[in-house]
C-alpha cells in the first residue's frame, strides 16, 4: 500500500508522520476522527487538508498497528 500523502522529515514535527509535508501530524488527524469529528468538520478547521489526506491518515494508522499474533505451543 502506498502512502503518497504521508511524509516524515527530520526537521518537521520531530520526524513524526505528517500530511504532505504540512505541520499537521497523522496522529492529530486520527485523534480528531477518534474524538468524533466528521471529515467535513476537520476540513473546515484545517483548510490545508483534503478529504484524501484524512482517509490516508486513517489507513496509515491502521497499517502501523498491523500486528501478527502467533499462537504459542502448549508446554510439553
PDB file of N, CA and C in Angstrom:
ATOM      1  N   UNK A   1       0.848  -1.172   0.000  1.00  0.00           N
ATOM      2  CA  UNK A   1       0.000   0.000   0.000  1.00  0.00           C
ATOM      3  C   UNK A   1       0.897   1.239   0.000  1.00  0.00           C
ATOM      4  N   UNK A   2       0.663   2.136  -0.891  1.00  0.00           N
ATOM      5  CA  UNK A   2       1.454   3.363  -0.996  1.00  0.00           C
ATOM      6  C   UNK A   2       0.780   4.490  -0.216  1.00  0.00           C
ATOM      7  N   UNK A   3       1.595   5.236   0.488  1.00  0.00           N
ATOM      8  CA  UNK A   3       1.101   6.392   1.240  1.00  0.00           C
ATOM      9  C   UNK A   3       1.773   7.632   0.662  1.00  0.00           C
ATOM     10  N   UNK A   4       1.260   8.103  -0.454  1.00  0.00           N
ATOM     11  CA  UNK A   4       1.885   9.224  -1.143  1.00  0.00           C
ATOM     12  C   UNK A   4       1.592  10.574  -0.490  1.00  0.00           C
ATOM     13  N   UNK A   5       0.699  10.612   0.474  1.00  0.00           N
ATOM     14  CA  UNK A   5       0.375  11.867   1.160  1.00  0.00           C
ATOM     15  C   UNK A   5       0.988  11.933   2.557  1.00  0.00           C
ATOM     16  N   UNK A   6       1.648  10.880   2.978  1.00  0.00           N
ATOM     17  CA  UNK A   6       2.256  10.830   4.298  1.00  0.00           C
ATOM     18  C   UNK A   6       3.757  11.062   4.144  1.00  0.00           C
ATOM     19  N   UNK A   7       4.273  12.029   4.884  1.00  0.00           N
ATOM     20  CA  UNK A   7       5.697  12.343   4.825  1.00  0.00           C
ATOM     21  C   UNK A   7       6.268  12.326   6.236  1.00  0.00           C
ATOM     22  N   UNK A   8       7.575  12.173   6.310  1.00  0.00           N
ATOM     23  CA  UNK A   8       8.282  12.270   7.590  1.00  0.00           C
ATOM     24  C   UNK A   8       9.610  12.953   7.308  1.00  0.00           C
ATOM     25  N   UNK A   9       9.788  14.117   7.903  1.00  0.00           N
ATOM     26  CA  UNK A   9      11.004  14.898   7.699  1.00  0.00           C
ATOM     27  C   UNK A   9      11.633  15.189   9.055  1.00  0.00           C
ATOM     28  N   UNK A  10      12.954  14.950   9.189  1.00  0.00           N
ATOM     29  CA  UNK A  10      13.614  15.171  10.479  1.00  0.00           C
ATOM     30  C   UNK A  10      13.404  16.584  11.041  1.00  0.00           C
ATOM     31  N   UNK A  11      13.315  17.592  10.202  1.00  0.00           N
ATOM     32  CA  UNK A  11      13.176  18.967  10.669  1.00  0.00           C
ATOM     33  C   UNK A  11      11.753  19.412  10.959  1.00  0.00           C
ATOM     34  N   UNK A  12      10.783  18.532  10.723  1.00  0.00           N
ATOM     35  CA  UNK A  12       9.374  18.886  10.962  1.00  0.00           C
ATOM     36  C   UNK A  12       8.746  17.875  11.903  1.00  0.00           C
ATOM     37  N   UNK A  13       8.100  18.390  12.920  1.00  0.00           N
ATOM     38  CA  UNK A  13       7.368  17.556  13.877  1.00  0.00           C
ATOM     39  C   UNK A  13       8.231  16.427  14.433  1.00  0.00           C
ATOM     40  N   UNK A  14       9.521  16.711  14.591  1.00  0.00           N
ATOM     41  CA  UNK A  14      10.472  15.732  15.133  1.00  0.00           C
ATOM     42  C   UNK A  14      10.486  14.431  14.340  1.00  0.00           C
ATOM     43  N   UNK A  15      10.226  14.545  13.052  1.00  0.00           N
ATOM     44  CA  UNK A  15      10.260  13.369  12.186  1.00  0.00           C
ATOM     45  C   UNK A  15       9.019  12.499  12.227  1.00  0.00           C
ATOM     46  N   UNK A  16       8.005  12.921  12.965  1.00  0.00           N
ATOM     47  CA  UNK A  16       6.766  12.132  13.028  1.00  0.00           C
ATOM     48  C   UNK A  16       6.026  12.205  11.696  1.00  0.00           C
ATOM     49  N   UNK A  17       5.253  11.179  11.359  1.00  0.00           N
ATOM     50  CA  UNK A  17       4.493  11.188  10.109  1.00  0.00           C
ATOM     51  C   UNK A  17       3.535  12.377  10.053  1.00  0.00           C
ATOM     52  N   UNK A  18       3.540  13.054   8.920  1.00  0.00           N
ATOM     53  CA  UNK A  18       2.702  14.236   8.723  1.00  0.00           C
ATOM     54  C   UNK A  18       1.978  14.126   7.389  1.00  0.00           C
ATOM     55  N   UNK A  19       1.082  15.064   7.170  1.00  0.00           N
ATOM     56  CA  UNK A  19       0.316  15.108   5.931  1.00  0.00           C
ATOM     57  C   UNK A  19       1.018  16.027   4.938  1.00  0.00           C
ATOM     58  N   UNK A  20       1.445  15.469   3.819  1.00  0.00           N
ATOM     59  CA  UNK A  20       2.016  16.212   2.681  1.00  0.00           C
ATOM     60  C   UNK A  20       3.040  17.278   3.077  1.00  0.00           C
ATOM     61  N   UNK A  21       3.862  17.015   4.057  1.00  0.00           N
ATOM     62  CA  UNK A  21       4.878  17.982   4.445  1.00  0.00           C
ATOM     63  C   UNK A  21       4.347  19.153   5.263  1.00  0.00           C
ATOM     64  N   UNK A  22       3.057  19.163   5.522  1.00  0.00           N
ATOM     65  CA  UNK A  22       2.466  20.211   6.357  1.00  0.00           C
ATOM     66  C   UNK A  22       2.825  19.944   7.815  1.00  0.00           C
ATOM     67  N   UNK A  23       2.612  20.885   8.647  1.00  0.00           N
ATOM     68  CA  UNK A  23       2.854  20.681  10.078  1.00  0.00           C
ATOM     69  C   UNK A  23       1.569  20.190  10.753  1.00  0.00           C
ATOM     70  N   UNK A  24       0.952  19.228  10.111  1.00  0.00           N
ATOM     71  CA  UNK A  24      -0.237  18.561  10.648  1.00  0.00           C
ATOM     72  C   UNK A  24       0.103  17.076  10.703  1.00  0.00           C
ATOM     73  N   UNK A  25       0.199  16.547  11.920  1.00  0.00           N
ATOM     74  CA  UNK A  25       0.622  15.154  12.059  1.00  0.00           C
ATOM     75  C   UNK A  25      -0.521  14.186  11.768  1.00  0.00           C
ATOM     76  N   UNK A  26      -0.128  13.001  11.355  1.00  0.00           N
ATOM     77  CA  UNK A  26      -1.095  11.920  11.166  1.00  0.00           C
ATOM     78  C   UNK A  26      -1.806  11.671  12.491  1.00  0.00           C
ATOM     79  N   UNK A  27      -1.047  11.698  13.575  1.00  0.00           N
ATOM     80  CA  UNK A  27      -1.629  11.476  14.898  1.00  0.00           C
ATOM     81  C   UNK A  27      -2.742  12.472  15.194  1.00  0.00           C
ATOM     82  N   UNK A  28      -2.525  13.737  14.881  1.00  0.00           N
ATOM     83  CA  UNK A  28      -3.541  14.763  15.139  1.00  0.00           C
ATOM     84  C   UNK A  28      -4.819  14.478  14.374  1.00  0.00           C
ATOM     85  N   UNK A  29      -4.681  14.111  13.125  1.00  0.00           N
ATOM     86  CA  UNK A  29      -5.852  13.820  12.291  1.00  0.00           C
ATOM     87  C   UNK A  29      -6.603  12.612  12.838  1.00  0.00           C
ATOM     88  N   UNK A  30      -5.873  11.559  13.181  1.00  0.00           N
ATOM     89  CA  UNK A  30      -6.510  10.349  13.704  1.00  0.00           C
ATOM     90  C   UNK A  30      -7.213  10.650  15.030  1.00  0.00           C
ATOM     91  N   UNK A  31      -6.592  11.452  15.868  1.00  0.00           N
ATOM     92  CA  UNK A  31      -7.224  11.802  17.148  1.00  0.00           C
ATOM     93  C   UNK A  31      -8.508  12.609  16.949  1.00  0.00           C
ATOM     94  N   UNK A  32      -8.523  13.485  15.949  1.00  0.00           N
ATOM     95  CA  UNK A  32      -9.745  14.242  15.669  1.00  0.00           C
ATOM     96  C   UNK A  32     -10.878  13.307  15.255  1.00  0.00           C
ATOM     97  N   UNK A  33     -10.567  12.356  14.388  1.00  0.00           N
ATOM     98  CA  UNK A  33     -11.585  11.391  13.957  1.00  0.00           C
ATOM     99  C   UNK A  33     -12.047  10.569  15.160  1.00  0.00           C
ATOM    100  N   UNK A  34     -11.105  10.131  15.992  1.00  0.00           N
ATOM    101  CA  UNK A  34     -11.455   9.343  17.175  1.00  0.00           C
ATOM    102  C   UNK A  34     -12.317  10.140  18.153  1.00  0.00           C
ATOM    103  N   UNK A  35     -12.129  11.458  18.166  1.00  0.00           N
ATOM    104  CA  UNK A  35     -12.922  12.316  19.051  1.00  0.00           C
ATOM    105  C   UNK A  35     -14.317  12.593  18.494  1.00  0.00           C
ATOM    106  N   UNK A  36     -14.584  12.069  17.305  1.00  0.00           N
ATOM    107  CA  UNK A  36     -15.921  12.215  16.746  1.00  0.00           C
ATOM    108  C   UNK A  36     -16.083  13.306  15.709  1.00  0.00           C
ATOM    109  N   UNK A  37     -14.984  13.950  15.331  1.00  0.00           N
ATOM    110  CA  UNK A  37     -15.075  14.988  14.311  1.00  0.00           C
ATOM    111  C   UNK A  37     -15.385  14.355  12.956  1.00  0.00           C
ATOM    112  N   UNK A  38     -16.330  14.930  12.244  1.00  0.00           N
ATOM    113  CA  UNK A  38     -16.639  14.493  10.883  1.00  0.00           C
ATOM    114  C   UNK A  38     -15.566  15.015   9.935  1.00  0.00           C
ATOM    115  N   UNK A  39     -15.382  14.328   8.809  1.00  0.00           N
ATOM    116  CA  UNK A  39     -14.405  14.768   7.816  1.00  0.00           C
ATOM    117  C   UNK A  39     -14.630  16.227   7.448  1.00  0.00           C
ATOM    118  N   UNK A  40     -15.880  16.605   7.196  1.00  0.00           N
ATOM    119  CA  UNK A  40     -16.178  17.984   6.797  1.00  0.00           C
ATOM    120  C   UNK A  40     -15.785  18.979   7.888  1.00  0.00           C
ATOM    121  N   UNK A  41     -15.957  18.604   9.137  1.00  0.00           N
ATOM    122  CA  UNK A  41     -15.594  19.471  10.253  1.00  0.00           C
ATOM    123  C   UNK A  41     -14.070  19.660  10.311  1.00  0.00           C
ATOM    124  N   UNK A  42     -13.342  18.582  10.090  1.00  0.00           N
ATOM    125  CA  UNK A  42     -11.878  18.672  10.072  1.00  0.00           C
ATOM    126  C   UNK A  42     -11.433  19.564   8.918  1.00  0.00           C
ATOM    127  N   UNK A  43     -12.004  19.359   7.750  1.00  0.00           N
ATOM    128  CA  UNK A  43     -11.625  20.147   6.573  1.00  0.00           C
ATOM    129  C   UNK A  43     -11.944  21.627   6.760  1.00  0.00           C
ATOM    130  N   UNK A  44     -13.013  21.919   7.455  1.00  0.00           N
ATOM    131  CA  UNK A  44     -13.389  23.306   7.708  1.00  0.00           C
ATOM    132  C   UNK A  44     -12.385  23.985   8.651  1.00  0.00           C
ATOM    133  N   UNK A  45     -11.913  23.234   9.644  1.00  0.00           N
ATOM    134  CA  UNK A  45     -10.984  23.784  10.629  1.00  0.00           C
ATOM    135  C   UNK A  45      -9.521  23.726  10.192  1.00  0.00           C
ATOM    136  N   UNK A  46      -9.228  22.883   9.238  1.00  0.00           N
ATOM    137  CA  UNK A  46      -7.869  22.741   8.702  1.00  0.00           C
ATOM    138  C   UNK A  46      -7.945  22.852   7.178  1.00  0.00           C
ATOM    139  N   UNK A  47      -8.060  24.065   6.653  1.00  0.00           N
ATOM    140  CA  UNK A  47      -8.303  24.260   5.220  1.00  0.00           C
ATOM    141  C   UNK A  47      -7.190  23.736   4.306  1.00  0.00           C
ATOM    142  N   UNK A  48      -5.994  23.480   4.843  1.00  0.00           N
ATOM    143  CA  UNK A  48      -4.927  22.927   4.012  1.00  0.00           C
ATOM    144  C   UNK A  48      -5.104  21.433   3.757  1.00  0.00           C
ATOM    145  N   UNK A  49      -5.955  20.796   4.536  1.00  0.00           N
ATOM    146  CA  UNK A  49      -6.188  19.360   4.362  1.00  0.00           C
ATOM    147  C   UNK A  49      -7.218  19.100   3.269  1.00  0.00           C
ATOM    148  N   UNK A  50      -7.125  17.908   2.710  1.00  0.00           N
ATOM    149  CA  UNK A  50      -8.091  17.425   1.715  1.00  0.00           C
ATOM    150  C   UNK A  50      -8.681  16.114   2.226  1.00  0.00           C
ATOM    151  N   UNK A  51      -9.825  15.769   1.698  1.00  0.00           N
ATOM    152  CA  UNK A  51     -10.518  14.547   2.106  1.00  0.00           C
ATOM    153  C   UNK A  51      -9.586  13.339   2.030  1.00  0.00           C
ATOM    154  N   UNK A  52      -8.837  13.227   0.963  1.00  0.00           N
ATOM    155  CA  UNK A  52      -7.935  12.089   0.775  1.00  0.00           C
ATOM    156  C   UNK A  52      -6.832  12.069   1.837  1.00  0.00           C
ATOM    157  N   UNK A  53      -6.431  13.219   2.347  1.00  0.00           N
ATOM    158  CA  UNK A  53      -5.431  13.275   3.417  1.00  0.00           C
ATOM    159  C   UNK A  53      -5.942  12.559   4.663  1.00  0.00           C
ATOM    160  N   UNK A  54      -7.181  12.813   5.006  1.00  0.00           N
ATOM    161  CA  UNK A  54      -7.777  12.204   6.198  1.00  0.00           C
ATOM    162  C   UNK A  54      -7.896  10.700   6.004  1.00  0.00           C
ATOM    163  N   UNK A  55      -8.382  10.299   4.857  1.00  0.00           N
ATOM    164  CA  UNK A  55      -8.534   8.872   4.575  1.00  0.00           C
ATOM    165  C   UNK A  55      -7.198   8.163   4.656  1.00  0.00           C
ATOM    166  N   UNK A  56      -6.179   8.768   4.068  1.00  0.00           N
ATOM    167  CA  UNK A  56      -4.877   8.127   4.056  1.00  0.00           C
ATOM    168  C   UNK A  56      -4.240   8.113   5.456  1.00  0.00           C
ATOM    169  N   UNK A  57      -4.501   9.131   6.258  1.00  0.00           N
ATOM    170  CA  UNK A  57      -4.009   9.137   7.639  1.00  0.00           C
ATOM    171  C   UNK A  57      -4.600   7.960   8.418  1.00  0.00           C
ATOM    172  N   UNK A  58      -5.866   7.695   8.203  1.00  0.00           N
ATOM    173  CA  UNK A  58      -6.509   6.562   8.871  1.00  0.00           C
ATOM    174  C   UNK A  58      -5.943   5.237   8.376  1.00  0.00           C
ATOM    175  N   UNK A  59      -5.724   5.132   7.081  1.00  0.00           N
ATOM    176  CA  UNK A  59      -5.128   3.917   6.506  1.00  0.00           C
ATOM    177  C   UNK A  59      -3.718   3.708   7.057  1.00  0.00           C
ATOM    178  N   UNK A  60      -2.953   4.786   7.159  1.00  0.00           N
ATOM    179  CA  UNK A  60      -1.586   4.710   7.682  1.00  0.00           C
ATOM    180  C   UNK A  60      -1.603   4.228   9.136  1.00  0.00           C
ATOM    181  N   UNK A  61      -2.494   4.788   9.931  1.00  0.00           N
ATOM    182  CA  UNK A  61      -2.595   4.385  11.332  1.00  0.00           C
ATOM    183  C   UNK A  61      -2.984   2.916  11.447  1.00  0.00           C
ATOM    184  N   UNK A  62      -3.890   2.480  10.605  1.00  0.00           N
ATOM    185  CA  UNK A  62      -4.293   1.073  10.629  1.00  0.00           C
ATOM    186  C   UNK A  62      -3.119   0.174  10.255  1.00  0.00           C
ATOM    187  N   UNK A  63      -2.359   0.567   9.252  1.00  0.00           N
ATOM    188  CA  UNK A  63      -1.196  -0.222   8.840  1.00  0.00           C
ATOM    189  C   UNK A  63      -0.132  -0.244   9.934  1.00  0.00           C
ATOM    190  N   UNK A  64       0.005   0.853  10.655  1.00  0.00           N
ATOM    191  CA  UNK A  64       1.007   0.937  11.711  1.00  0.00           C
ATOM    192  C   UNK A  64       0.678   0.028  12.893  1.00  0.00           C
ATOM    193  N   UNK A  65      -0.577  -0.339  13.030  1.00  0.00           N
ATOM    194  CA  UNK A  65      -0.979  -1.205  14.134  1.00  0.00           C
ATOM    195  C   UNK A  65      -1.184  -2.644  13.687  1.00  0.00           C
ATOM    196  N   UNK A  66      -0.782  -2.966  12.486  1.00  0.00           N
ATOM    197  CA  UNK A  66      -0.934  -4.317  11.943  1.00  0.00           C
ATOM    198  C   UNK A  66       0.032  -5.252  12.668  1.00  0.00           C
ATOM    199  N   UNK A  67      -0.506  -5.957  13.644  1.00  0.00           N
ATOM    200  CA  UNK A  67       0.305  -6.853  14.460  1.00  0.00           C
ATOM    201  C   UNK A  67      -0.101  -8.285  14.164  1.00  0.00           C
ATOM    202  N   UNK A  68       0.887  -9.116  13.977  1.00  0.00           N
ATOM    203  CA  UNK A  68       0.619 -10.536  13.742  1.00  0.00           C
ATOM    204  C   UNK A  68       0.798 -11.289  15.059  1.00  0.00           C
ATOM    205  N   UNK A  69      -0.227 -12.000  15.439  1.00  0.00           N
ATOM    206  CA  UNK A  69      -0.189 -12.763  16.686  1.00  0.00           C
ATOM    207  C   UNK A  69       0.056 -14.221  16.327  1.00  0.00           C
ATOM    208  N   UNK A  70       1.080 -14.772  16.916  1.00  0.00           N
ATOM    209  CA  UNK A  70       1.406 -16.170  16.687  1.00  0.00           C
ATOM    210  C   UNK A  70       0.959 -16.989  17.886  1.00  0.00           C
ATOM    211  N   UNK A  71       0.314 -18.108  17.612  1.00  0.00           N
ATOM    212  CA  UNK A  71      -0.127 -18.983  18.692  1.00  0.00           C
ATOM    213  C   UNK A  71       1.091 -19.669  19.299  1.00  0.00           C
ATOM    214  N   UNK A  72       1.154 -19.670  20.607  1.00  0.00           N
ATOM    215  CA  UNK A  72       2.245 -20.346  21.301  1.00  0.00           C
ATOM    216  C   UNK A  72       1.869 -21.808  21.501  1.00  0.00           C
ATOM    217  N   UNK A  73       2.831 -22.662  21.394  1.00  0.00           N
ATOM    218  CA  UNK A  73       2.520 -24.068  21.606  1.00  0.00           C
ATOM    219  C   UNK A  73       2.426 -24.358  23.098  1.00  0.00           C
ATOM    220  N   UNK A  74       1.671 -25.333  23.422  1.00  0.00           N
ATOM    221  CA  UNK A  74       1.498 -25.720  24.817  1.00  0.00           C
ATOM    222  C   UNK A  74       2.797 -26.329  25.347  1.00  0.00           C
ATOM    223  N   UNK A  75       3.121 -26.067  26.614  1.00  0.00           N
ATOM    224  CA  UNK A  75       4.318 -26.687  27.159  1.00  0.00           C
ATOM    225  C   UNK A  75       4.185 -28.206  27.190  1.00  0.00           C
ATOM    226  N   UNK A  76       5.281 -28.887  27.036  1.00  0.00           N
ATOM    227  CA  UNK A  76       5.277 -30.365  26.984  1.00  0.00           C
ATOM    228  C   UNK A  76       4.981 -30.971  28.324  1.00  0.00           C
TER     229      UNK A  76
END
